Amino acid sequence: MEELKFVLKTFAFTCLLIVLMQVKVGGASIESHSFRWLQHSTVSQWIQSAAAGGAMALKNLSGHVKDGVVSTVDGFQEGAHEKAIR
């Protein structure tokens, strides 16, 4: 029963927050002001650059792993071909 109360309180708080975010201040809603601030804040730009670096690292890692697997498979195939000729 406590879990249901928690869910209902959280739902009510969320609904209240959504309604309050629609209040217009200076021709734009608080929601649009906060969204714009989040997009242009120093922290979000830092996180975006870190995420871009992580994505580049994963791309490079996958390329190196793929190249290693391809060279290993080619080596096994060459060895099997040489055994078949003998």
PDB file of N, CA and C in Angstrom:
ATOM      1  N   MET A   1       0.817  -1.191   0.000  1.00  0.00           N
ATOM      2  CA  MET A   1       0.000   0.000   0.000  1.00  0.00           C
ATOM      3  C   MET A   1       0.864   1.260   0.000  1.00  0.00           C
ATOM      4  N   GLU A   2       2.019   1.179   0.676  1.00  0.00           N
ATOM      5  CA  GLU A   2       2.935   2.323   0.701  1.00  0.00           C
ATOM      6  C   GLU A   2       3.455   2.633  -0.699  1.00  0.00           C
ATOM      7  N   GLU A   3       3.676   1.586  -1.489  1.00  0.00           N
ATOM      8  CA  GLU A   3       4.168   1.790  -2.851  1.00  0.00           C
ATOM      9  C   GLU A   3       3.146   2.538  -3.687  1.00  0.00           C
ATOM     10  N   LEU A   4       1.881   2.203  -3.533  1.00  0.00           N
ATOM     11  CA  LEU A   4       0.819   2.884  -4.279  1.00  0.00           C
ATOM     12  C   LEU A   4       0.740   4.357  -3.878  1.00  0.00           C
ATOM     13  N   LYS A   5       0.877   4.637  -2.595  1.00  0.00           N
ATOM     14  CA  LYS A   5       0.866   6.029  -2.127  1.00  0.00           C
ATOM     15  C   LYS A   5       2.039   6.798  -2.742  1.00  0.00           C
ATOM     16  N   PHE A   6       3.196   6.167  -2.771  1.00  0.00           N
ATOM     17  CA  PHE A   6       4.369   6.808  -3.358  1.00  0.00           C
ATOM     18  C   PHE A   6       4.136   7.118  -4.836  1.00  0.00           C
ATOM     19  N   VAL A   7       3.580   6.156  -5.558  1.00  0.00           N
ATOM     20  CA  VAL A   7       3.324   6.347  -6.987  1.00  0.00           C
ATOM     21  C   VAL A   7       2.318   7.478  -7.192  1.00  0.00           C
ATOM     22  N   LEU A   8       1.258   7.498  -6.400  1.00  0.00           N
ATOM     23  CA  LEU A   8       0.249   8.538  -6.547  1.00  0.00           C
ATOM     24  C   LEU A   8       0.802   9.921  -6.188  1.00  0.00           C
ATOM     25  N   LYS A   9       1.610  10.014  -5.132  1.00  0.00           N
ATOM     26  CA  LYS A   9       2.220  11.297  -4.771  1.00  0.00           C
ATOM     27  C   LYS A   9       3.181  11.767  -5.862  1.00  0.00           C
ATOM     28  N   THR A  10       3.950  10.853  -6.401  1.00  0.00           N
ATOM     29  CA  THR A  10       4.885  11.201  -7.464  1.00  0.00           C
ATOM     30  C   THR A  10       4.136  11.657  -8.711  1.00  0.00           C
ATOM     31  N   PHE A  11       3.042  10.974  -9.027  1.00  0.00           N
ATOM     32  CA  PHE A  11       2.224  11.351 -10.178  1.00  0.00           C
ATOM     33  C   PHE A  11       1.633  12.745  -9.977  1.00  0.00           C
ATOM     34  N   ALA A  12       1.123  13.022  -8.797  1.00  0.00           N
ATOM     35  CA  ALA A  12       0.534  14.333  -8.512  1.00  0.00           C
ATOM     36  C   ALA A  12       1.599  15.428  -8.599  1.00  0.00           C
ATOM     37  N   PHE A  13       2.769  15.176  -8.040  1.00  0.00           N
ATOM     38  CA  PHE A  13       3.852  16.153  -8.106  1.00  0.00           C
ATOM     39  C   PHE A  13       4.260  16.416  -9.553  1.00  0.00           C
ATOM     40  N   THR A  14       4.352  15.361 -10.353  1.00  0.00           N
ATOM     41  CA  THR A  14       4.724  15.494 -11.755  1.00  0.00           C
ATOM     42  C   THR A  14       3.694  16.316 -12.511  1.00  0.00           C
ATOM     43  N   CYS A  15       2.411  16.035 -12.281  1.00  0.00           N
ATOM     44  CA  CYS A  15       1.346  16.803 -12.947  1.00  0.00           C
ATOM     45  C   CYS A  15       1.423  18.276 -12.561  1.00  0.00           C
ATOM     46  N   LEU A  16       1.638  18.569 -11.294  1.00  0.00           N
ATOM     47  CA  LEU A  16       1.759  19.944 -10.832  1.00  0.00           C
ATOM     48  C   LEU A  16       2.965  20.636 -11.477  1.00  0.00           C
ATOM     49  N   LEU A  17       4.075  19.943 -11.552  1.00  0.00           N
ATOM     50  CA  LEU A  17       5.274  20.495 -12.165  1.00  0.00           C
ATOM     51  C   LEU A  17       5.047  20.793 -13.646  1.00  0.00           C
ATOM     52  N   ILE A  18       4.378  19.893 -14.337  1.00  0.00           N
ATOM     53  CA  ILE A  18       4.102  20.100 -15.762  1.00  0.00           C
ATOM     54  C   ILE A  18       3.217  21.329 -15.964  1.00  0.00           C
ATOM     55  N   VAL A  19       2.208  21.479 -15.120  1.00  0.00           N
ATOM     56  CA  VAL A  19       1.313  22.639 -15.238  1.00  0.00           C
ATOM     57  C   VAL A  19       2.088  23.926 -14.953  1.00  0.00           C
ATOM     58  N   LEU A  20       2.916  23.938 -13.926  1.00  0.00           N
ATOM     59  CA  LEU A  20       3.674  25.138 -13.581  1.00  0.00           C
ATOM     60  C   LEU A  20       4.700  25.502 -14.657  1.00  0.00           C
ATOM     61  N   MET A  21       5.241  24.510 -15.341  1.00  0.00           N
ATOM     62  CA  MET A  21       6.227  24.779 -16.386  1.00  0.00           C
ATOM     63  C   MET A  21       5.605  25.454 -17.607  1.00  0.00           C
ATOM     64  N   GLN A  22       4.275  25.444 -17.717  1.00  0.00           N
ATOM     65  CA  GLN A  22       3.611  26.053 -18.862  1.00  0.00           C
ATOM     66  C   GLN A  22       3.340  27.540 -18.662  1.00  0.00           C
ATOM     67  N   VAL A  23       3.661  28.068 -17.487  1.00  0.00           N
ATOM     68  CA  VAL A  23       3.457  29.487 -17.206  1.00  0.00           C
ATOM     69  C   VAL A  23       4.399  30.292 -18.100  1.00  0.00           C
ATOM     70  N   LYS A  24       3.850  31.318 -18.750  1.00  0.00           N
ATOM     71  CA  LYS A  24       4.654  32.130 -19.657  1.00  0.00           C
ATOM     72  C   LYS A  24       5.315  33.269 -18.895  1.00  0.00           C
ATOM     73  N   VAL A  25       6.601  33.440 -19.162  1.00  0.00           N
ATOM     74  CA  VAL A  25       7.384  34.520 -18.581  1.00  0.00           C
ATOM     75  C   VAL A  25       8.142  35.183 -19.726  1.00  0.00           C
ATOM     76  N   GLY A  26       7.860  36.448 -19.969  1.00  0.00           N
ATOM     77  CA  GLY A  26       8.555  37.153 -21.050  1.00  0.00           C
ATOM     78  C   GLY A  26       8.238  36.614 -22.423  1.00  0.00           C
ATOM     79  N   GLY A  27       7.046  36.146 -22.657  1.00  0.00           N
ATOM     80  CA  GLY A  27       6.645  35.666 -23.979  1.00  0.00           C
ATOM     81  C   GLY A  27       6.954  34.206 -24.248  1.00  0.00           C
ATOM     82  N   ALA A  28       7.646  33.541 -23.355  1.00  0.00           N
ATOM     83  CA  ALA A  28       7.962  32.116 -23.542  1.00  0.00           C
ATOM     84  C   ALA A  28       7.693  31.390 -22.231  1.00  0.00           C
ATOM     85  N   SER A  29       7.370  30.120 -22.334  1.00  0.00           N
ATOM     86  CA  SER A  29       7.065  29.344 -21.133  1.00  0.00           C
ATOM     87  C   SER A  29       8.331  29.052 -20.341  1.00  0.00           C
ATOM     88  N   ILE A  30       8.145  28.753 -19.075  1.00  0.00           N
ATOM     89  CA  ILE A  30       9.290  28.383 -18.223  1.00  0.00           C
ATOM     90  C   ILE A  30       9.955  27.134 -18.789  1.00  0.00           C
ATOM     91  N   GLU A  31       9.154  26.258 -19.355  1.00  0.00           N
ATOM     92  CA  GLU A  31       9.689  25.035 -19.951  1.00  0.00           C
ATOM     93  C   GLU A  31      10.666  25.359 -21.084  1.00  0.00           C
ATOM     94  N   SER A  32      10.288  26.266 -21.968  1.00  0.00           N
ATOM     95  CA  SER A  32      11.180  26.609 -23.085  1.00  0.00           C
ATOM     96  C   SER A  32      12.425  27.336 -22.587  1.00  0.00           C
ATOM     97  N   HIS A  33      12.276  28.193 -21.559  1.00  0.00           N
ATOM     98  CA  HIS A  33      13.448  28.852 -20.979  1.00  0.00           C
ATOM     99  C   HIS A  33      14.410  27.817 -20.390  1.00  0.00           C
ATOM    100  N   SER A  34      13.881  26.871 -19.632  1.00  0.00           N
ATOM    101  CA  SER A  34      14.751  25.873 -19.001  1.00  0.00           C
ATOM    102  C   SER A  34      15.375  24.952 -20.039  1.00  0.00           C
ATOM    103  N   PHE A  35      14.620  24.622 -21.088  1.00  0.00           N
ATOM    104  CA  PHE A  35      15.149  23.767 -22.149  1.00  0.00           C
ATOM    105  C   PHE A  35      16.291  24.476 -22.869  1.00  0.00           C
ATOM    106  N   ARG A  36      16.106  25.752 -23.191  1.00  0.00           N
ATOM    107  CA  ARG A  36      17.144  26.537 -23.853  1.00  0.00           C
ATOM    108  C   ARG A  36      18.386  26.644 -22.958  1.00  0.00           C
ATOM    109  N   TRP A  37      18.157  26.879 -21.657  1.00  0.00           N
ATOM    110  CA  TRP A  37      19.278  26.979 -20.731  1.00  0.00           C
ATOM    111  C   TRP A  37      20.045  25.663 -20.656  1.00  0.00           C
ATOM    112  N   LEU A  38      19.316  24.543 -20.620  1.00  0.00           N
ATOM    113  CA  LEU A  38      19.985  23.241 -20.560  1.00  0.00           C
ATOM    114  C   LEU A  38      20.800  22.965 -21.820  1.00  0.00           C
ATOM    115  N   GLN A  39      20.293  23.387 -22.968  1.00  0.00           N
ATOM    116  CA  GLN A  39      21.021  23.154 -24.214  1.00  0.00           C
ATOM    117  C   GLN A  39      22.304  23.970 -24.298  1.00  0.00           C
ATOM    118  N   HIS A  40      22.278  25.175 -23.764  1.00  0.00           N
ATOM    119  CA  HIS A  40      23.413  26.078 -23.929  1.00  0.00           C
ATOM    120  C   HIS A  40      24.296  26.196 -22.687  1.00  0.00           C
ATOM    121  N   SER A  41      24.026  25.432 -21.661  1.00  0.00           N
ATOM    122  CA  SER A  41      24.834  25.532 -20.445  1.00  0.00           C
ATOM    123  C   SER A  41      26.206  24.893 -20.665  1.00  0.00           C
ATOM    124  N   THR A  42      27.159  25.324 -19.891  1.00  0.00           N
ATOM    125  CA  THR A  42      28.528  24.812 -19.991  1.00  0.00           C
ATOM    126  C   THR A  42      28.579  23.327 -19.662  1.00  0.00           C
ATOM    127  N   VAL A  43      27.812  22.916 -18.682  1.00  0.00           N
ATOM    128  CA  VAL A  43      27.806  21.508 -18.276  1.00  0.00           C
ATOM    129  C   VAL A  43      27.307  20.625 -19.407  1.00  0.00           C
ATOM    130  N   SER A  44      26.214  21.024 -20.069  1.00  0.00           N
ATOM    131  CA  SER A  44      25.679  20.189 -21.146  1.00  0.00           C
ATOM    132  C   SER A  44      26.643  20.130 -22.326  1.00  0.00           C
ATOM    133  N   GLN A  45      27.336  21.222 -22.610  1.00  0.00           N
ATOM    134  CA  GLN A  45      28.318  21.195 -23.694  1.00  0.00           C
ATOM    135  C   GLN A  45      29.496  20.287 -23.343  1.00  0.00           C
ATOM    136  N   TRP A  46      29.902  20.297 -22.071  1.00  0.00           N
ATOM    137  CA  TRP A  46      30.987  19.422 -21.635  1.00  0.00           C
ATOM    138  C   TRP A  46      30.568  17.954 -21.748  1.00  0.00           C
ATOM    139  N   ILE A  47      29.338  17.665 -21.321  1.00  0.00           N
ATOM    140  CA  ILE A  47      28.834  16.287 -21.403  1.00  0.00           C
ATOM    141  C   ILE A  47      28.725  15.849 -22.855  1.00  0.00           C
ATOM    142  N   GLN A  48      28.278  16.752 -23.731  1.00  0.00           N
ATOM    143  CA  GLN A  48      28.167  16.423 -25.148  1.00  0.00           C
ATOM    144  C   GLN A  48      29.535  16.118 -25.750  1.00  0.00           C
ATOM    145  N   SER A  49      30.543  16.899 -25.393  1.00  0.00           N
ATOM    146  CA  SER A  49      31.880  16.631 -25.942  1.00  0.00           C
ATOM    147  C   SER A  49      32.442  15.325 -25.388  1.00  0.00           C
ATOM    148  N   ALA A  50      32.159  15.029 -24.120  1.00  0.00           N
ATOM    149  CA  ALA A  50      32.614  13.757 -23.551  1.00  0.00           C
ATOM    150  C   ALA A  50      31.920  12.581 -24.226  1.00  0.00           C
ATOM    151  N   ALA A  51      30.638  12.737 -24.505  1.00  0.00           N
ATOM    152  CA  ALA A  51      29.901  11.666 -25.183  1.00  0.00           C
ATOM    153  C   ALA A  51      30.413  11.473 -26.608  1.00  0.00           C
ATOM    154  N   ALA A  52      30.735  12.574 -27.286  1.00  0.00           N
ATOM    155  CA  ALA A  52      31.276  12.463 -28.643  1.00  0.00           C
ATOM    156  C   ALA A  52      32.635  11.760 -28.617  1.00  0.00           C
ATOM    157  N   GLY A  53      33.461  12.069 -27.621  1.00  0.00           N
ATOM    158  CA  GLY A  53      34.751  11.386 -27.488  1.00  0.00           C
ATOM    159  C   GLY A  53      34.575   9.908 -27.196  1.00  0.00           C
ATOM    160  N   GLY A  54      33.610   9.575 -26.352  1.00  0.00           N
ATOM    161  CA  GLY A  54      33.340   8.169 -26.057  1.00  0.00           C
ATOM    162  C   GLY A  54      32.847   7.424 -27.279  1.00  0.00           C
ATOM    163  N   ALA A  55      31.996   8.067 -28.073  1.00  0.00           N
ATOM    164  CA  ALA A  55      31.491   7.435 -29.294  1.00  0.00           C
ATOM    165  C   ALA A  55      32.634   7.202 -30.282  1.00  0.00           C
ATOM    166  N   MET A  56      33.556   8.182 -30.380  1.00  0.00           N
ATOM    167  CA  MET A  56      34.693   8.015 -31.274  1.00  0.00           C
ATOM    168  C   MET A  56      35.599   6.881 -30.781  1.00  0.00           C
ATOM    169  N   ALA A  57      35.792   6.785 -29.475  1.00  0.00           N
ATOM    170  CA  ALA A  57      36.620   5.712 -28.931  1.00  0.00           C
ATOM    171  C   ALA A  57      35.997   4.348 -29.224  1.00  0.00           C
ATOM    172  N   LEU A  58      34.676   4.233 -29.050  1.00  0.00           N
ATOM    173  CA  LEU A  58      34.005   2.959 -29.356  1.00  0.00           C
ATOM    174  C   LEU A  58      34.107   2.613 -30.833  1.00  0.00           C
ATOM    175  N   LYS A  59      33.989   3.623 -31.699  1.00  0.00           N
ATOM    176  CA  LYS A  59      34.100   3.384 -33.140  1.00  0.00           C
ATOM    177  C   LYS A  59      35.505   2.887 -33.475  1.00  0.00           C
ATOM    178  N   ASN A  60      36.530   3.542 -32.915  1.00  0.00           N
ATOM    179  CA  ASN A  60      37.906   3.115 -33.169  1.00  0.00           C
ATOM    180  C   ASN A  60      38.168   1.714 -32.622  1.00  0.00           C
ATOM    181  N   LEU A  61      37.654   1.430 -31.429  1.00  0.00           N
ATOM    182  CA  LEU A  61      37.827   0.115 -30.824  1.00  0.00           C
ATOM    183  C   LEU A  61      37.182  -0.973 -31.685  1.00  0.00           C
ATOM    184  N   SER A  62      35.957  -0.707 -32.149  1.00  0.00           N
ATOM    185  CA  SER A  62      35.283  -1.719 -32.973  1.00  0.00           C
ATOM    186  C   SER A  62      36.031  -1.941 -34.284  1.00  0.00           C
ATOM    187  N   GLY A  63      36.606  -0.875 -34.842  1.00  0.00           N
ATOM    188  CA  GLY A  63      37.398  -1.023 -36.069  1.00  0.00           C
ATOM    189  C   GLY A  63      38.636  -1.864 -35.839  1.00  0.00           C
ATOM    190  N   HIS A  64      39.337  -1.644 -34.719  1.00  0.00           N
ATOM    191  CA  HIS A  64      40.532  -2.436 -34.407  1.00  0.00           C
ATOM    192  C   HIS A  64      40.173  -3.897 -34.134  1.00  0.00           C
ATOM    193  N   VAL A  65      39.080  -4.131 -33.433  1.00  0.00           N
ATOM    194  CA  VAL A  65      38.658  -5.503 -33.161  1.00  0.00           C
ATOM    195  C   VAL A  65      38.291  -6.206 -34.462  1.00  0.00           C
ATOM    196  N   LYS A  66      37.564  -5.506 -35.335  1.00  0.00           N
ATOM    197  CA  LYS A  66      37.173  -6.095 -36.623  1.00  0.00           C
ATOM    198  C   LYS A  66      38.405  -6.436 -37.446  1.00  0.00           C
ATOM    199  N   ASP A  67      39.358  -5.503 -37.520  1.00  0.00           N
ATOM    200  CA  ASP A  67      40.582  -5.774 -38.277  1.00  0.00           C
ATOM    201  C   ASP A  67      41.346  -6.956 -37.702  1.00  0.00           C
ATOM    202  N   GLY A  68      41.406  -7.057 -36.372  1.00  0.00           N
ATOM    203  CA  GLY A  68      42.091  -8.178 -35.744  1.00  0.00           C
ATOM    204  C   GLY A  68      41.419  -9.512 -36.041  1.00  0.00           C
ATOM    205  N   VAL A  69      40.089  -9.513 -36.001  1.00  0.00           N
ATOM    206  CA  VAL A  69      39.351 -10.749 -36.287  1.00  0.00           C
ATOM    207  C   VAL A  69      39.535 -11.141 -37.749  1.00  0.00           C
ATOM    208  N   VAL A  70      39.465 -10.172 -38.657  1.00  0.00           N
ATOM    209  CA  VAL A  70      39.621 -10.474 -40.080  1.00  0.00           C
ATOM    210  C   VAL A  70      41.011 -11.029 -40.355  1.00  0.00           C
ATOM    211  N   SER A  71      42.046 -10.430 -39.764  1.00  0.00           N
ATOM    212  CA  SER A  71      43.403 -10.931 -40.007  1.00  0.00           C
ATOM    213  C   SER A  71      43.594 -12.324 -39.405  1.00  0.00           C
ATOM    214  N   THR A  72      42.984 -12.582 -38.254  1.00  0.00           N
ATOM    215  CA  THR A  72      43.084 -13.905 -37.633  1.00  0.00           C
ATOM    216  C   THR A  72      42.374 -14.949 -38.482  1.00  0.00           C
ATOM    217  N   VAL A  73      41.187 -14.625 -38.971  1.00  0.00           N
ATOM    218  CA  VAL A  73      40.434 -15.567 -39.809  1.00  0.00           C
ATOM    219  C   VAL A  73      41.177 -15.818 -41.105  1.00  0.00           C
ATOM    220  N   ASP A  74      41.744 -14.764 -41.706  1.00  0.00           N
ATOM    221  CA  ASP A  74      42.518 -14.957 -42.937  1.00  0.00           C
ATOM    222  C   ASP A  74      43.723 -15.852 -42.689  1.00  0.00           C
ATOM    223  N   GLY A  75      44.376 -15.705 -41.533  1.00  0.00           N
ATOM    224  CA  GLY A  75      45.521 -16.551 -41.193  1.00  0.00           C
ATOM    225  C   GLY A  75      45.117 -18.001 -41.044  1.00  0.00           C
ATOM    226  N   PHE A  76      43.977 -18.262 -40.418  1.00  0.00           N
ATOM    227  CA  PHE A  76      43.500 -19.639 -40.285  1.00  0.00           C
ATOM    228  C   PHE A  76      43.138 -20.227 -41.642  1.00  0.00           C
ATOM    229  N   GLN A  77      42.542 -19.422 -42.505  1.00  0.00           N
ATOM    230  CA  GLN A  77      42.157 -19.922 -43.818  1.00  0.00           C
ATOM    231  C   GLN A  77      43.373 -20.240 -44.664  1.00  0.00           C
ATOM    232  N   GLU A  78      44.415 -19.423 -44.586  1.00  0.00           N
ATOM    233  CA  GLU A  78      45.660 -19.692 -45.317  1.00  0.00           C
ATOM    234  C   GLU A  78      46.314 -20.969 -44.813  1.00  0.00           C
ATOM    235  N   GLY A  79      46.322 -21.176 -43.489  1.00  0.00           N
ATOM    236  CA  GLY A  79      46.903 -22.378 -42.914  1.00  0.00           C
ATOM    237  C   GLY A  79      46.129 -23.617 -43.332  1.00  0.00           C
ATOM    238  N   ALA A  80      44.817 -23.549 -43.388  1.00  0.00           N
ATOM    239  CA  ALA A  80      44.001 -24.684 -43.804  1.00  0.00           C
ATOM    240  C   ALA A  80      44.220 -24.975 -45.283  1.00  0.00           C
ATOM    241  N   HIS A  81      44.399 -23.922 -46.101  1.00  0.00           N
ATOM    242  CA  HIS A  81      44.627 -24.103 -47.535  1.00  0.00           C
ATOM    243  C   HIS A  81      45.975 -24.779 -47.773  1.00  0.00           C
ATOM    244  N   GLU A  82      47.007 -24.390 -47.013  1.00  0.00           N
ATOM    245  CA  GLU A  82      48.328 -24.991 -47.167  1.00  0.00           C
ATOM    246  C   GLU A  82      48.305 -26.467 -46.757  1.00  0.00           C
ATOM    247  N   LYS A  83      47.557 -26.826 -45.725  1.00  0.00           N
ATOM    248  CA  LYS A  83      47.453 -28.230 -45.294  1.00  0.00           C
ATOM    249  C   LYS A  83      46.732 -29.054 -46.349  1.00  0.00           C
ATOM    250  N   ALA A  84      45.733 -28.470 -47.015  1.00  0.00           N
ATOM    251  CA  ALA A  84      44.964 -29.199 -48.034  1.00  0.00           C
ATOM    252  C   ALA A  84      45.826 -29.470 -49.256  1.00  0.00           C
ATOM    253  N   ILE A  85      46.764 -28.589 -49.561  1.00  0.00           N
ATOM    254  CA  ILE A  85      47.622 -28.778 -50.729  1.00  0.00           C
ATOM    255  C   ILE A  85      48.608 -29.895 -50.488  1.00  0.00           C
ATOM    256  N   ARG A  86      49.115 -30.053 -49.252  1.00  0.00           N
ATOM    257  CA  ARG A  86      50.109 -31.074 -48.932  1.00  0.00           C
ATOM    258  C   ARG A  86      49.480 -32.386 -48.996  1.00  0.00           C
TER     259      ARG A  86
END
